[in-house]
Amino acid sequence: MTRQKRSSSALEKAERRSAGLKAINPQLDLGGGLTLESYLLLIDTLRSHLITYNESLSFVDRAGSTVQDTEKQLGTLSERMLIAVAAKYGKDSYEYEMAGGTRKSERKRPTRKTSTVA
């Protein structure tokens, strides 16, 4: 399952506000470091950070999918290896047990419970 990509309501609001400020004066300077240029620069910085963040999530998702696929392949190969050991040495062999199987003679057999009629 992929991770939810992020958007920013603050970015959308700032973009709308910058359009209004630009309509007032494209070179707006309100003093004290409050300029339209610095405002637009910070908007671009946030946009860039969001893009980087969302791309990183995509890379993590891909890495997670790769791990899951490899786990499936490993599980399949493990099963095939155990089956091959059973075919070569038998299901009741010590080699089968060493490979991770349960020897046939050591399996617990289900026992039926006898009902007592009173």
Protein backbone atom coordinates (compact mmCIF):
# COMPACT_ATOMS: atom_id res chain seq x y z
CA MET A 1 0.00 0.00 0.00
CA THR A 2 1.43 3.34 -0.99
CA ARG A 3 1.86 6.18 1.42
CA GLN A 4 -0.33 9.26 1.02
CA LYS A 5 1.45 12.07 -0.77
CA ARG A 6 1.35 15.42 0.96
CA SER A 7 -0.01 18.73 -0.19
CA SER A 8 0.00 22.01 1.70
CA SER A 9 -2.95 24.24 2.36
CA ALA A 10 -0.51 26.90 3.58
CA LEU A 11 1.21 26.80 0.18
CA GLU A 12 -2.08 27.15 -1.70
CA LYS A 13 -3.15 30.04 0.53
CA ALA A 14 0.22 31.78 0.11
CA GLU A 15 0.06 31.41 -3.68
CA ARG A 16 -3.37 33.06 -3.75
CA ARG A 17 -2.16 35.82 -1.46
CA SER A 18 0.97 36.41 -3.55
CA ALA A 19 -1.21 36.92 -6.63
CA GLY A 20 -3.07 39.68 -4.78
CA LEU A 21 0.15 41.25 -3.52
CA LYS A 22 1.62 41.15 -7.02
CA ALA A 23 -1.48 42.97 -8.30
CA ILE A 24 -0.77 45.78 -5.83
CA ASN A 25 2.83 46.18 -6.93
CA PRO A 26 5.18 43.60 -8.52
CA GLN A 27 8.09 45.18 -6.58
CA LEU A 28 6.18 45.45 -3.26
CA ASP A 29 8.37 46.32 -0.26
CA LEU A 30 6.56 46.80 3.05
CA GLY A 31 9.74 47.47 5.04
CA GLY A 32 11.40 45.39 7.71
CA GLY A 33 12.36 42.66 5.24
CA LEU A 34 8.75 42.14 4.12
CA THR A 35 9.12 42.05 0.36
CA LEU A 36 7.15 40.25 -2.30
CA GLU A 37 10.42 38.79 -3.56
CA SER A 38 11.22 37.14 -0.19
CA TYR A 39 7.61 35.91 0.05
CA LEU A 40 7.80 34.29 -3.40
CA LEU A 41 11.19 32.79 -2.54
CA LEU A 42 9.77 31.11 0.56
CA ILE A 43 6.79 29.83 -1.45
CA ASP A 44 9.20 28.27 -3.96
CA THR A 45 11.23 26.76 -1.12
CA LEU A 46 8.16 25.11 0.38
CA ARG A 47 7.08 23.82 -3.03
CA SER A 48 10.54 22.34 -3.54
CA HIS A 49 10.49 20.68 -0.10
CA LEU A 50 7.08 19.16 -0.79
CA ILE A 51 8.27 17.74 -4.10
CA THR A 52 11.33 16.25 -2.40
CA TYR A 53 9.18 14.81 0.40
CA ASN A 54 6.70 13.21 -2.00
CA GLU A 55 9.49 11.78 -4.17
CA SER A 56 11.10 10.31 -1.05
CA LEU A 57 7.81 8.63 -0.16
CA SER A 58 7.72 7.11 -3.63
CA PHE A 59 11.25 5.75 -3.19
CA VAL A 60 10.33 4.27 0.20
CA ASP A 61 7.21 2.68 -1.30
CA ARG A 62 9.28 1.15 -4.10
CA ALA A 63 11.86 -0.16 -1.62
CA GLY A 64 9.08 -1.69 0.51
CA SER A 65 7.57 -3.39 -2.52
CA THR A 66 10.97 -4.74 -3.49
CA VAL A 67 11.45 -6.17 0.01
CA GLN A 68 8.02 -7.83 -0.10
CA ASP A 69 8.71 -9.34 -3.52
CA THR A 70 12.07 -10.67 -2.36
CA GLU A 71 10.46 -12.15 0.78
CA LYS A 72 7.95 -14.00 -1.41
CA GLN A 73 10.74 -15.31 -3.63
CA LEU A 74 12.73 -16.42 -0.58
CA GLY A 75 9.70 -18.19 0.91
CA THR A 76 9.08 -20.03 -2.34
CA LEU A 77 12.72 -21.04 -2.65
CA SER A 78 12.80 -22.19 1.00
CA GLU A 79 9.77 -24.38 0.38
CA ARG A 80 11.30 -25.83 -2.79
CA MET A 81 14.59 -26.52 -0.96
CA LEU A 82 12.77 -28.41 1.81
CA ILE A 83 10.75 -30.39 -0.75
CA ALA A 84 13.97 -31.27 -2.60
CA VAL A 85 15.59 -32.48 0.64
CA ALA A 86 12.48 -34.58 1.35
CA ALA A 87 12.62 -36.05 -2.16
CA LYS A 88 16.31 -36.90 -1.89
CA TYR A 89 16.53 -38.11 1.72
CA GLY A 90 12.91 -38.85 2.66
CA LYS A 91 10.50 -37.12 5.03
CA ASP A 92 11.60 -39.28 7.96
CA SER A 93 15.33 -38.56 7.59
CA TYR A 94 17.59 -36.60 9.88
CA GLU A 95 18.62 -34.47 6.89
CA TYR A 96 14.99 -33.40 6.45
CA GLU A 97 14.90 -32.40 10.11
CA MET A 98 18.21 -30.54 9.76
CA ALA A 99 16.72 -28.60 6.82
CA GLY A 100 13.87 -27.40 9.03
CA GLY A 101 11.20 -30.03 8.42
CA THR A 102 9.46 -32.16 11.02
CA ARG A 103 10.24 -35.85 10.66
CA LYS A 104 7.25 -37.96 9.74
CA SER A 105 7.78 -40.25 12.73
CA GLU A 106 7.80 -37.27 15.11
CA ARG A 107 4.57 -35.70 13.94
CA LYS A 108 1.81 -35.57 16.50
CA ARG A 109 -1.19 -37.44 15.30
CA PRO A 110 -4.59 -36.16 16.30
CA THR A 111 -6.41 -38.41 18.71
CA ARG A 112 -10.12 -38.72 18.83
CA LYS A 113 -11.77 -38.03 22.10
CA THR A 114 -14.01 -40.82 23.21
CA SER A 115 -17.37 -39.65 24.34
CA THR A 116 -18.56 -41.02 27.62
CA VAL A 117 -22.23 -41.83 27.71
CA ALA A 118 -23.64 -41.67 31.22
